[in-house]
C-alpha atoms as a PDB file:
ATOM      1  CA  UNK A   1      95.304 106.566 106.021  1.00  0.00           C
ATOM      2  CA  UNK A   2      98.421 105.081 104.498  1.00  0.00           C
ATOM      3  CA  UNK A   3     101.002 102.898 106.274  1.00  0.00           C
ATOM      4  CA  UNK A   4     103.615 105.666 106.067  1.00  0.00           C
ATOM      5  CA  UNK A   5     101.220 108.053 107.855  1.00  0.00           C
ATOM      6  CA  UNK A   6     100.628 105.582 110.675  1.00  0.00           C
ATOM      7  CA  UNK A   7     104.384 104.998 110.951  1.00  0.00           C
ATOM      8  CA  UNK A   8     105.060 108.754 111.111  1.00  0.00           C
ATOM      9  CA  UNK A   9     102.461 109.193 113.860  1.00  0.00           C
ATOM     10  CA  UNK A  10     103.929 106.386 115.944  1.00  0.00           C
ATOM     11  CA  UNK A  11     107.516 107.554 115.434  1.00  0.00           C
ATOM     12  CA  UNK A  12     106.584 111.056 116.587  1.00  0.00           C
ATOM     13  CA  UNK A  13     104.799 109.762 119.698  1.00  0.00           C
ATOM     14  CA  UNK A  14     106.923 106.821 120.906  1.00  0.00           C
ATOM     15  CA  UNK A  15     110.657 107.401 121.147  1.00  0.00           C
ATOM     16  CA  UNK A  16     113.266 104.805 120.356  1.00  0.00           C
ATOM     17  CA  UNK A  17     111.126 102.328 118.440  1.00  0.00           C
ATOM     18  CA  UNK A  18     111.146 100.954 114.927  1.00  0.00           C
ATOM     19  CA  UNK A  19     107.746 100.394 113.367  1.00  0.00           C
ATOM     20  CA  UNK A  20     106.784  98.082 110.539  1.00  0.00           C
ATOM     21  CA  UNK A  21     103.291  98.878 109.249  1.00  0.00           C
ATOM     22  CA  UNK A  22     101.115  96.994 106.788  1.00  0.00           C
ATOM     23  CA  UNK A  23      97.540  97.614 105.746  1.00  0.00           C
ATOM     24  CA  UNK A  24      95.369 100.212 104.106  1.00  0.00           C
ATOM     25  CA  UNK A  25      92.337 102.368 104.694  1.00  0.00           C
ATOM     26  CA  UNK A  26      91.598 102.085 108.393  1.00  0.00           C
ATOM     27  CA  UNK A  27      92.910  98.532 109.017  1.00  0.00           C
ATOM     28  CA  UNK A  28      96.570  98.083 109.926  1.00  0.00           C
ATOM     29  CA  UNK A  29      99.049  95.602 111.322  1.00  0.00           C
ATOM     30  CA  UNK A  30     101.726  97.181 113.494  1.00  0.00           C
ATOM     31  CA  UNK A  31     104.978  95.510 114.487  1.00  0.00           C
ATOM     32  CA  UNK A  32     106.857  97.659 116.988  1.00  0.00           C
ATOM     33  CA  UNK A  33     110.423  96.980 118.127  1.00  0.00           C
ATOM     34  CA  UNK A  34     112.084  99.040 120.811  1.00  0.00           C
ATOM     35  CA  UNK A  35     113.620  99.474 124.227  1.00  0.00           C
ATOM     36  CA  UNK A  36     110.384 101.181 125.307  1.00  0.00           C
ATOM     37  CA  UNK A  37     108.841  97.724 125.768  1.00  0.00           C
ATOM     38  CA  UNK A  38     111.576  96.429 128.082  1.00  0.00           C
ATOM     39  CA  UNK A  39     110.059  95.285 131.376  1.00  0.00           C
ATOM     40  CA  UNK A  40     106.457  95.916 130.307  1.00  0.00           C
ATOM     41  CA  UNK A  41     103.766  93.244 130.305  1.00  0.00           C
ATOM     42  CA  UNK A  42     102.158  92.377 126.954  1.00  0.00           C
ATOM     43  CA  UNK A  43      99.055  94.360 127.964  1.00  0.00           C
ATOM     44  CA  UNK A  44     101.091  97.456 128.896  1.00  0.00           C
ATOM     45  CA  UNK A  45     102.932  97.238 125.573  1.00  0.00           C
ATOM     46  CA  UNK A  46      99.649  97.162 123.663  1.00  0.00           C
ATOM     47  CA  UNK A  47      98.313 100.061 125.714  1.00  0.00           C
ATOM     48  CA  UNK A  48     101.387 102.149 124.899  1.00  0.00           C
ATOM     49  CA  UNK A  49     100.799 101.765 121.159  1.00  0.00           C
ATOM     50  CA  UNK A  50      97.015 102.222 121.394  1.00  0.00           C
ATOM     51  CA  UNK A  51      97.493 105.359 123.489  1.00  0.00           C
ATOM     52  CA  UNK A  52      99.797 106.812 120.815  1.00  0.00           C
ATOM     53  CA  UNK A  53      97.010 106.344 118.246  1.00  0.00           C
ATOM     54  CA  UNK A  54      94.053 107.179 120.491  1.00  0.00           C
ATOM     55  CA  UNK A  55      93.011 110.346 118.627  1.00  0.00           C
ATOM     56  CA  UNK A  56      92.988 108.560 115.266  1.00  0.00           C
ATOM     57  CA  UNK A  57      91.053 105.616 116.717  1.00  0.00           C
ATOM     58  CA  UNK A  58      88.519 107.940 118.343  1.00  0.00           C
ATOM     59  CA  UNK A  59      87.999 109.851 115.092  1.00  0.00           C
ATOM     60  CA  UNK A  60      87.539 106.651 113.073  1.00  0.00           C
ATOM     61  CA  UNK A  61      90.602 107.314 110.903  1.00  0.00           C
ATOM     62  CA  UNK A  62      91.924 104.028 112.290  1.00  0.00           C
ATOM     63  CA  UNK A  63      89.505 101.218 112.950  1.00  0.00           C
ATOM     64  CA  UNK A  64      91.156  97.802 113.219  1.00  0.00           C
ATOM     65  CA  UNK A  65      94.710  97.566 114.484  1.00  0.00           C
ATOM     66  CA  UNK A  66      96.697  94.420 115.121  1.00  0.00           C
ATOM     67  CA  UNK A  67      99.764  95.032 117.279  1.00  0.00           C
ATOM     68  CA  UNK A  68     102.838  92.909 117.935  1.00  0.00           C
ATOM     69  CA  UNK A  69     105.548  94.340 120.167  1.00  0.00           C
ATOM     70  CA  UNK A  70     109.120  93.206 120.724  1.00  0.00           C
ATOM     71  CA  UNK A  71     112.200  94.333 122.580  1.00  0.00           C
ATOM     72  CA  UNK A  72     115.273  94.399 120.312  1.00  0.00           C
ATOM     73  CA  UNK A  73     116.463  91.072 121.797  1.00  0.00           C
ATOM     74  CA  UNK A  74     113.047  89.453 121.250  1.00  0.00           C
ATOM     75  CA  UNK A  75     112.970  90.760 117.674  1.00  0.00           C
ATOM     76  CA  UNK A  76     116.400  89.307 116.954  1.00  0.00           C
ATOM     77  CA  UNK A  77     115.310  85.923 118.329  1.00  0.00           C
ATOM     78  CA  UNK A  78     112.034  86.030 116.353  1.00  0.00           C
ATOM     79  CA  UNK A  79     113.922  86.953 113.167  1.00  0.00           C
ATOM     80  CA  UNK A  80     116.394  84.119 113.657  1.00  0.00           C
ATOM     81  CA  UNK A  81     113.590  81.621 114.274  1.00  0.00           C
ATOM     82  CA  UNK A  82     111.812  82.755 111.107  1.00  0.00           C
ATOM     83  CA  UNK A  83     114.778  81.714 108.953  1.00  0.00           C
END
């Protein structure tokens, strides 16, 4: 799979999020930013993204996925701290 394919899958399955995908083959890093993560624990956030990709993980099309999730406010703070 290509990063743009993973991004398209996530965008079609989780509303209101921006996804930044890196990687190739079956190993990807996902950064997800959206209101969907508001009020969710870190584990619930991860589960939301894994669930959206469950078919591809089960088939082996995706193997290793690293996920970081942020609300828009957390993303803004993280971006400011990175400068």
